[in-house]
Amino acid sequence: MNNVDKYLNAKKLFAKIMGYLVLLVSFKFSAAGFGFKTDDSLFVGYILAFAVTAGELIFNTQVKKLNWTIVVIGILSYAYSIWTNILGFYVYRGETEIVFALNFHSLIPIFGGAFMDIFPEMALAWAYGAGHEGDFIGNLTKLGQVDNEISPTPRYTTKNTYLSQLPKRDNYVDPTHDNLPDIPQFMRDAQEKRTKYVQSNPRK
């Protein structure tokens, strides 16, 4: 193993570690942002945090493999998780009023909440070699491809193939042509009947 491979493996390991750690932090912020203080409700907050993460992971699949239910639930999962992460910032700050303004204090929860929600899936997908399987932003730009099923390739073609369309020998004479060679009439009739039968019953 050369130094380049070692460096790549180290990056993947670091991405895995940080992906899992940030995911745990996101769980905690999301549960805190759930907004209920009792032990039972906190447990529900963690369950929802795990559930929406599962929805996000499912959404991070190639768009053509998704249906609209998965798409809608996936987008709702991201919306819920990001919003509860933002609320979690205010909970741990001890602030009760949410203020949206163009200043550092107000923007940190927004950017931090979005980062904590999107980064883990991105980092883990890349580290495990599945970065091409779909991602949040990429899938949002490809929603037009949802449910565009690729029709299976038929085992037998249904395209009509007539005798006249098949490759012909250099000395081939079209039996429907008026200038047929001098052959017995019964052979000419038989050939014409065969041609009509082939045209009306194409091979499948």
C-alpha atoms as a PDB file:
ATOM      1  CA  MET A   1       0.000   0.000   0.000  1.00  0.00           C
ATOM      2  CA  ASN A   2       1.499   3.313  -1.108  1.00  0.00           C
ATOM      3  CA  ASN A   3       1.247   6.640   0.683  1.00  0.00           C
ATOM      4  CA  VAL A   4      -1.662   7.822  -1.467  1.00  0.00           C
ATOM      5  CA  ASP A   5      -3.746   4.792  -0.474  1.00  0.00           C
ATOM      6  CA  LYS A   6      -2.816   5.270   3.170  1.00  0.00           C
ATOM      7  CA  TYR A   7      -3.867   8.916   3.012  1.00  0.00           C
ATOM      8  CA  LEU A   8      -7.187   8.003   1.356  1.00  0.00           C
ATOM      9  CA  ASN A   9      -7.891   5.318   3.958  1.00  0.00           C
ATOM     10  CA  ALA A  10      -7.079   7.781   6.739  1.00  0.00           C
ATOM     11  CA  LYS A  11      -9.517  10.303   5.248  1.00  0.00           C
ATOM     12  CA  LYS A  12     -12.237   7.677   5.031  1.00  0.00           C
ATOM     13  CA  LEU A  13     -11.661   6.602   8.621  1.00  0.00           C
ATOM     14  CA  PHE A  14     -11.762  10.193   9.837  1.00  0.00           C
ATOM     15  CA  ALA A  15     -14.943  10.828   7.824  1.00  0.00           C
ATOM     16  CA  LYS A  16     -16.589   7.767   9.383  1.00  0.00           C
ATOM     17  CA  ILE A  17     -15.672   8.815  12.917  1.00  0.00           C
ATOM     18  CA  MET A  18     -16.833  12.397  12.462  1.00  0.00           C
ATOM     19  CA  GLY A  19     -19.960  11.296  10.613  1.00  0.00           C
ATOM     20  CA  TYR A  20     -21.062   9.125  13.528  1.00  0.00           C
ATOM     21  CA  LEU A  21     -20.102  11.724  16.151  1.00  0.00           C
ATOM     22  CA  VAL A  22     -21.947  14.581  14.430  1.00  0.00           C
ATOM     23  CA  LEU A  23     -24.926  12.274  13.938  1.00  0.00           C
ATOM     24  CA  LEU A  24     -25.050  11.644  17.703  1.00  0.00           C
ATOM     25  CA  VAL A  25     -24.839  15.376  18.378  1.00  0.00           C
ATOM     26  CA  SER A  26     -27.656  15.933  15.900  1.00  0.00           C
ATOM     27  CA  PHE A  27     -29.764  13.344  17.751  1.00  0.00           C
ATOM     28  CA  LYS A  28     -29.205  15.208  21.014  1.00  0.00           C
ATOM     29  CA  PHE A  29     -30.010  18.636  19.572  1.00  0.00           C
ATOM     30  CA  SER A  30     -33.094  17.286  17.788  1.00  0.00           C
ATOM     31  CA  ALA A  31     -34.383  15.626  20.967  1.00  0.00           C
ATOM     32  CA  ALA A  32     -33.795  18.858  22.896  1.00  0.00           C
ATOM     33  CA  GLY A  33     -35.565  20.833  20.203  1.00  0.00           C
ATOM     34  CA  PHE A  34     -38.551  18.485  20.428  1.00  0.00           C
ATOM     35  CA  GLY A  35     -39.703  20.846  23.161  1.00  0.00           C
ATOM     36  CA  PHE A  36     -40.953  18.581  25.961  1.00  0.00           C
ATOM     37  CA  LYS A  37     -39.173  18.254  29.287  1.00  0.00           C
ATOM     38  CA  THR A  38     -40.487  15.017  30.815  1.00  0.00           C
ATOM     39  CA  ASP A  39     -38.462  11.824  30.614  1.00  0.00           C
ATOM     40  CA  ASP A  40     -41.102  10.073  28.516  1.00  0.00           C
ATOM     41  CA  SER A  41     -41.316  12.885  26.000  1.00  0.00           C
ATOM     42  CA  LEU A  42     -37.527  13.089  25.768  1.00  0.00           C
ATOM     43  CA  PHE A  43     -37.510   9.399  24.857  1.00  0.00           C
ATOM     44  CA  VAL A  44     -40.063  10.129  22.130  1.00  0.00           C
ATOM     45  CA  GLY A  45     -37.833  12.953  20.904  1.00  0.00           C
ATOM     46  CA  TYR A  46     -34.929  10.535  20.479  1.00  0.00           C
ATOM     47  CA  ILE A  47     -37.149   7.991  18.699  1.00  0.00           C
ATOM     48  CA  LEU A  48     -38.264  10.666  16.254  1.00  0.00           C
ATOM     49  CA  ALA A  49     -34.646  11.747  15.749  1.00  0.00           C
ATOM     50  CA  PHE A  50     -33.705   8.178  14.804  1.00  0.00           C
ATOM     51  CA  ALA A  51     -36.793   7.822  12.598  1.00  0.00           C
ATOM     52  CA  VAL A  52     -36.197  10.984  10.569  1.00  0.00           C
ATOM     53  CA  THR A  53     -32.555   9.985  10.118  1.00  0.00           C
ATOM     54  CA  ALA A  54     -33.766   6.700   8.640  1.00  0.00           C
ATOM     55  CA  GLY A  55     -36.049   8.691   6.340  1.00  0.00           C
ATOM     56  CA  GLU A  56     -33.117  10.821   5.236  1.00  0.00           C
ATOM     57  CA  LEU A  57     -30.940   7.797   4.529  1.00  0.00           C
ATOM     58  CA  ILE A  58     -33.683   6.207   2.451  1.00  0.00           C
ATOM     59  CA  PHE A  59     -34.140   9.453   0.525  1.00  0.00           C
ATOM     60  CA  ASN A  60     -30.415   9.514  -0.251  1.00  0.00           C
ATOM     61  CA  THR A  61     -30.864   6.923  -2.986  1.00  0.00           C
ATOM     62  CA  GLN A  62     -30.756   7.254  -6.755  1.00  0.00           C
ATOM     63  CA  VAL A  63     -33.836   9.217  -7.768  1.00  0.00           C
ATOM     64  CA  LYS A  64     -35.021   6.634 -10.301  1.00  0.00           C
ATOM     65  CA  LYS A  65     -35.269   4.086  -7.478  1.00  0.00           C
ATOM     66  CA  LEU A  66     -37.600   6.292  -5.395  1.00  0.00           C
ATOM     67  CA  ASN A  67     -41.339   6.809  -5.362  1.00  0.00           C
ATOM     68  CA  TRP A  68     -43.190   9.965  -4.369  1.00  0.00           C
ATOM     69  CA  THR A  69     -44.020   8.727  -0.863  1.00  0.00           C
ATOM     70  CA  ILE A  70     -40.318   8.241  -0.134  1.00  0.00           C
ATOM     71  CA  VAL A  71     -39.537  11.667  -1.624  1.00  0.00           C
ATOM     72  CA  VAL A  72     -42.151  13.481   0.468  1.00  0.00           C
ATOM     73  CA  ILE A  73     -41.226  11.665   3.693  1.00  0.00           C
ATOM     74  CA  GLY A  74     -37.536  12.263   2.987  1.00  0.00           C
ATOM     75  CA  ILE A  75     -38.013  16.010   2.517  1.00  0.00           C
ATOM     76  CA  LEU A  76     -40.208  16.194   5.636  1.00  0.00           C
ATOM     77  CA  SER A  77     -37.544  14.282   7.565  1.00  0.00           C
ATOM     78  CA  TYR A  78     -34.894  16.821   6.608  1.00  0.00           C
ATOM     79  CA  ALA A  79     -37.218  19.726   7.419  1.00  0.00           C
ATOM     80  CA  TYR A  80     -38.105  18.309  10.849  1.00  0.00           C
ATOM     81  CA  SER A  81     -34.536  17.401  11.747  1.00  0.00           C
ATOM     82  CA  ILE A  82     -33.021  20.722  10.660  1.00  0.00           C
ATOM     83  CA  TRP A  83     -35.712  22.729  12.450  1.00  0.00           C
ATOM     84  CA  THR A  84     -35.405  20.767  15.722  1.00  0.00           C
ATOM     85  CA  ASN A  85     -31.617  21.093  15.500  1.00  0.00           C
ATOM     86  CA  ILE A  86     -32.042  24.859  15.260  1.00  0.00           C
ATOM     87  CA  LEU A  87     -34.366  24.815  18.248  1.00  0.00           C
ATOM     88  CA  GLY A  88     -31.821  22.681  20.089  1.00  0.00           C
ATOM     89  CA  PHE A  89     -29.275  25.487  19.779  1.00  0.00           C
ATOM     90  CA  TYR A  90     -31.650  27.852  21.547  1.00  0.00           C
ATOM     91  CA  VAL A  91     -32.389  25.266  24.234  1.00  0.00           C
ATOM     92  CA  TYR A  92     -28.711  24.794  25.079  1.00  0.00           C
ATOM     93  CA  ARG A  93     -28.166  28.541  24.968  1.00  0.00           C
ATOM     94  CA  GLY A  94     -30.921  28.953  27.510  1.00  0.00           C
ATOM     95  CA  GLU A  95     -32.840  31.260  25.206  1.00  0.00           C
ATOM     96  CA  THR A  96     -36.607  31.078  24.821  1.00  0.00           C
ATOM     97  CA  GLU A  97     -37.097  33.558  21.994  1.00  0.00           C
ATOM     98  CA  ILE A  98     -36.108  32.636  18.453  1.00  0.00           C
ATOM     99  CA  VAL A  99     -34.785  35.600  16.520  1.00  0.00           C
ATOM    100  CA  PHE A 100     -33.990  35.507  12.801  1.00  0.00           C
ATOM    101  CA  ALA A 101     -31.637  38.300  11.842  1.00  0.00           C
ATOM    102  CA  LEU A 102     -28.569  38.826   9.710  1.00  0.00           C
ATOM    103  CA  ASN A 103     -26.065  38.616  12.518  1.00  0.00           C
ATOM    104  CA  PHE A 104     -23.644  36.002  13.753  1.00  0.00           C
ATOM    105  CA  HIS A 105     -25.663  35.119  16.838  1.00  0.00           C
ATOM    106  CA  SER A 106     -28.809  34.373  14.828  1.00  0.00           C
ATOM    107  CA  LEU A 107     -27.164  32.660  11.853  1.00  0.00           C
ATOM    108  CA  ILE A 108     -25.135  30.134  13.859  1.00  0.00           C
ATOM    109  CA  PRO A 109     -28.201  28.012  14.817  1.00  0.00           C
ATOM    110  CA  ILE A 110     -29.412  27.993  11.210  1.00  0.00           C
ATOM    111  CA  PHE A 111     -26.117  27.007   9.609  1.00  0.00           C
ATOM    112  CA  GLY A 112     -25.202  24.723  12.503  1.00  0.00           C
ATOM    113  CA  GLY A 113     -28.563  22.952  12.449  1.00  0.00           C
ATOM    114  CA  ALA A 114     -28.409  22.389   8.693  1.00  0.00           C
ATOM    115  CA  PHE A 115     -24.783  21.243   8.838  1.00  0.00           C
ATOM    116  CA  MET A 116     -25.398  18.760  11.654  1.00  0.00           C
ATOM    117  CA  ASP A 117     -28.257  17.245   9.684  1.00  0.00           C
ATOM    118  CA  ILE A 118     -26.698  16.994   6.207  1.00  0.00           C
ATOM    119  CA  PHE A 119     -23.040  16.306   7.013  1.00  0.00           C
ATOM    120  CA  PRO A 120     -23.330  12.822   8.615  1.00  0.00           C
ATOM    121  CA  GLU A 121     -25.122  11.212   5.656  1.00  0.00           C
ATOM    122  CA  MET A 122     -22.722  12.840   3.194  1.00  0.00           C
ATOM    123  CA  ALA A 123     -19.591  11.838   5.137  1.00  0.00           C
ATOM    124  CA  LEU A 124     -20.683   8.253   5.769  1.00  0.00           C
ATOM    125  CA  ALA A 125     -21.852   7.717   2.181  1.00  0.00           C
ATOM    126  CA  TRP A 126     -18.501   8.926   0.835  1.00  0.00           C
ATOM    127  CA  ALA A 127     -16.474   6.972   3.387  1.00  0.00           C
ATOM    128  CA  TYR A 128     -18.283   3.732   2.553  1.00  0.00           C
ATOM    129  CA  GLY A 129     -17.977   4.285  -1.203  1.00  0.00           C
ATOM    130  CA  ALA A 130     -21.661   5.019  -1.794  1.00  0.00           C
ATOM    131  CA  GLY A 131     -21.403   8.716  -2.627  1.00  0.00           C
ATOM    132  CA  HIS A 132     -22.843   8.117  -6.102  1.00  0.00           C
ATOM    133  CA  GLU A 133     -26.020   6.502  -4.758  1.00  0.00           C
ATOM    134  CA  GLY A 134     -27.821   9.796  -4.240  1.00  0.00           C
ATOM    135  CA  ASP A 135     -27.682  12.830  -1.959  1.00  0.00           C
ATOM    136  CA  PHE A 136     -30.036  15.404  -0.489  1.00  0.00           C
ATOM    137  CA  ILE A 137     -29.288  18.403  -2.710  1.00  0.00           C
ATOM    138  CA  GLY A 138     -28.680  16.336  -5.840  1.00  0.00           C
ATOM    139  CA  ASN A 139     -31.976  14.500  -5.455  1.00  0.00           C
ATOM    140  CA  LEU A 140     -33.861  17.766  -4.999  1.00  0.00           C
ATOM    141  CA  THR A 141     -32.594  18.894  -8.412  1.00  0.00           C
ATOM    142  CA  LYS A 142     -33.671  15.608 -10.051  1.00  0.00           C
ATOM    143  CA  LEU A 143     -37.225  15.243  -8.780  1.00  0.00           C
ATOM    144  CA  GLY A 144     -38.450  15.150 -12.363  1.00  0.00           C
ATOM    145  CA  GLN A 145     -36.914  11.686 -12.694  1.00  0.00           C
ATOM    146  CA  VAL A 146     -38.988  10.152  -9.899  1.00  0.00           C
ATOM    147  CA  ASP A 147     -41.095   7.191 -11.086  1.00  0.00           C
ATOM    148  CA  ASN A 148     -39.500   7.282 -14.550  1.00  0.00           C
ATOM    149  CA  GLU A 149     -39.374   3.531 -14.674  1.00  0.00           C
ATOM    150  CA  ILE A 150     -37.112   1.968 -17.231  1.00  0.00           C
ATOM    151  CA  SER A 151     -39.222  -0.459 -19.234  1.00  0.00           C
ATOM    152  CA  PRO A 152     -37.734  -3.949 -19.179  1.00  0.00           C
ATOM    153  CA  THR A 153     -36.037  -5.132 -22.334  1.00  0.00           C
ATOM    154  CA  PRO A 154     -38.349  -7.638 -24.010  1.00  0.00           C
ATOM    155  CA  ARG A 155     -37.002 -11.090 -24.589  1.00  0.00           C
ATOM    156  CA  TYR A 156     -38.398 -11.108 -28.103  1.00  0.00           C
ATOM    157  CA  THR A 157     -38.748  -8.059 -30.275  1.00  0.00           C
ATOM    158  CA  THR A 158     -42.252  -7.138 -31.379  1.00  0.00           C
ATOM    159  CA  LYS A 159     -41.081  -5.167 -34.392  1.00  0.00           C
ATOM    160  CA  ASN A 160     -42.560  -6.527 -37.608  1.00  0.00           C
ATOM    161  CA  THR A 161     -39.876  -8.140 -39.724  1.00  0.00           C
ATOM    162  CA  TYR A 162     -41.061  -8.976 -43.198  1.00  0.00           C
ATOM    163  CA  LEU A 163     -39.344 -11.216 -45.677  1.00  0.00           C
ATOM    164  CA  SER A 164     -38.690  -8.246 -47.923  1.00  0.00           C
ATOM    165  CA  GLN A 165     -36.710  -6.536 -45.115  1.00  0.00           C
ATOM    166  CA  LEU A 166     -34.301  -9.417 -44.571  1.00  0.00           C
ATOM    167  CA  PRO A 167     -30.822  -9.417 -46.151  1.00  0.00           C
ATOM    168  CA  LYS A 168     -30.935 -10.620 -49.733  1.00  0.00           C
ATOM    169  CA  ARG A 169     -28.477 -12.534 -51.875  1.00  0.00           C
ATOM    170  CA  ASP A 170     -26.954 -10.830 -54.884  1.00  0.00           C
ATOM    171  CA  ASN A 171     -28.989 -13.019 -57.245  1.00  0.00           C
ATOM    172  CA  TYR A 172     -32.219 -12.620 -55.263  1.00  0.00           C
ATOM    173  CA  VAL A 173     -35.385 -12.080 -57.316  1.00  0.00           C
ATOM    174  CA  ASP A 174     -38.371 -10.493 -55.601  1.00  0.00           C
ATOM    175  CA  PRO A 175     -41.214 -12.993 -56.013  1.00  0.00           C
ATOM    176  CA  THR A 176     -43.725 -10.135 -56.171  1.00  0.00           C
ATOM    177  CA  HIS A 177     -41.928  -8.557 -59.137  1.00  0.00           C
ATOM    178  CA  ASP A 178     -43.571  -8.813 -62.529  1.00  0.00           C
ATOM    179  CA  ASN A 179     -40.386  -9.938 -64.292  1.00  0.00           C
ATOM    180  CA  LEU A 180     -40.135 -13.343 -62.702  1.00  0.00           C
ATOM    181  CA  PRO A 181     -38.054 -15.961 -64.482  1.00  0.00           C
ATOM    182  CA  ASP A 182     -39.871 -18.455 -66.632  1.00  0.00           C
ATOM    183  CA  ILE A 183     -41.000 -20.889 -63.941  1.00  0.00           C
ATOM    184  CA  PRO A 184     -44.121 -23.042 -63.736  1.00  0.00           C
ATOM    185  CA  GLN A 185     -47.256 -21.174 -62.690  1.00  0.00           C
ATOM    186  CA  PHE A 186     -47.915 -23.468 -59.705  1.00  0.00           C
ATOM    187  CA  MET A 187     -44.459 -22.640 -58.275  1.00  0.00           C
ATOM    188  CA  ARG A 188     -45.119 -18.930 -58.788  1.00  0.00           C
ATOM    189  CA  ASP A 189     -48.481 -19.207 -57.016  1.00  0.00           C
ATOM    190  CA  ALA A 190     -46.904 -21.134 -54.142  1.00  0.00           C
ATOM    191  CA  GLN A 191     -44.175 -18.523 -53.726  1.00  0.00           C
ATOM    192  CA  GLU A 192     -46.658 -15.667 -53.699  1.00  0.00           C
ATOM    193  CA  LYS A 193     -48.826 -17.457 -51.115  1.00  0.00           C
ATOM    194  CA  ARG A 194     -45.764 -18.000 -48.934  1.00  0.00           C
ATOM    195  CA  THR A 195     -44.796 -14.320 -49.214  1.00  0.00           C
ATOM    196  CA  LYS A 196     -48.301 -13.182 -48.227  1.00  0.00           C
ATOM    197  CA  TYR A 197     -48.317 -15.621 -45.286  1.00  0.00           C
ATOM    198  CA  VAL A 198     -44.961 -14.352 -44.004  1.00  0.00           C
ATOM    199  CA  GLN A 199     -46.077 -10.728 -44.304  1.00  0.00           C
ATOM    200  CA  SER A 200     -49.323 -11.388 -42.429  1.00  0.00           C
ATOM    201  CA  ASN A 201     -47.616 -13.516 -39.761  1.00  0.00           C
ATOM    202  CA  PRO A 202     -44.365 -11.756 -38.817  1.00  0.00           C
ATOM    203  CA  ARG A 203     -41.844 -13.583 -36.737  1.00  0.00           C
ATOM    204  CA  LYS A 204     -41.885 -12.813 -32.993  1.00  0.00           C
END
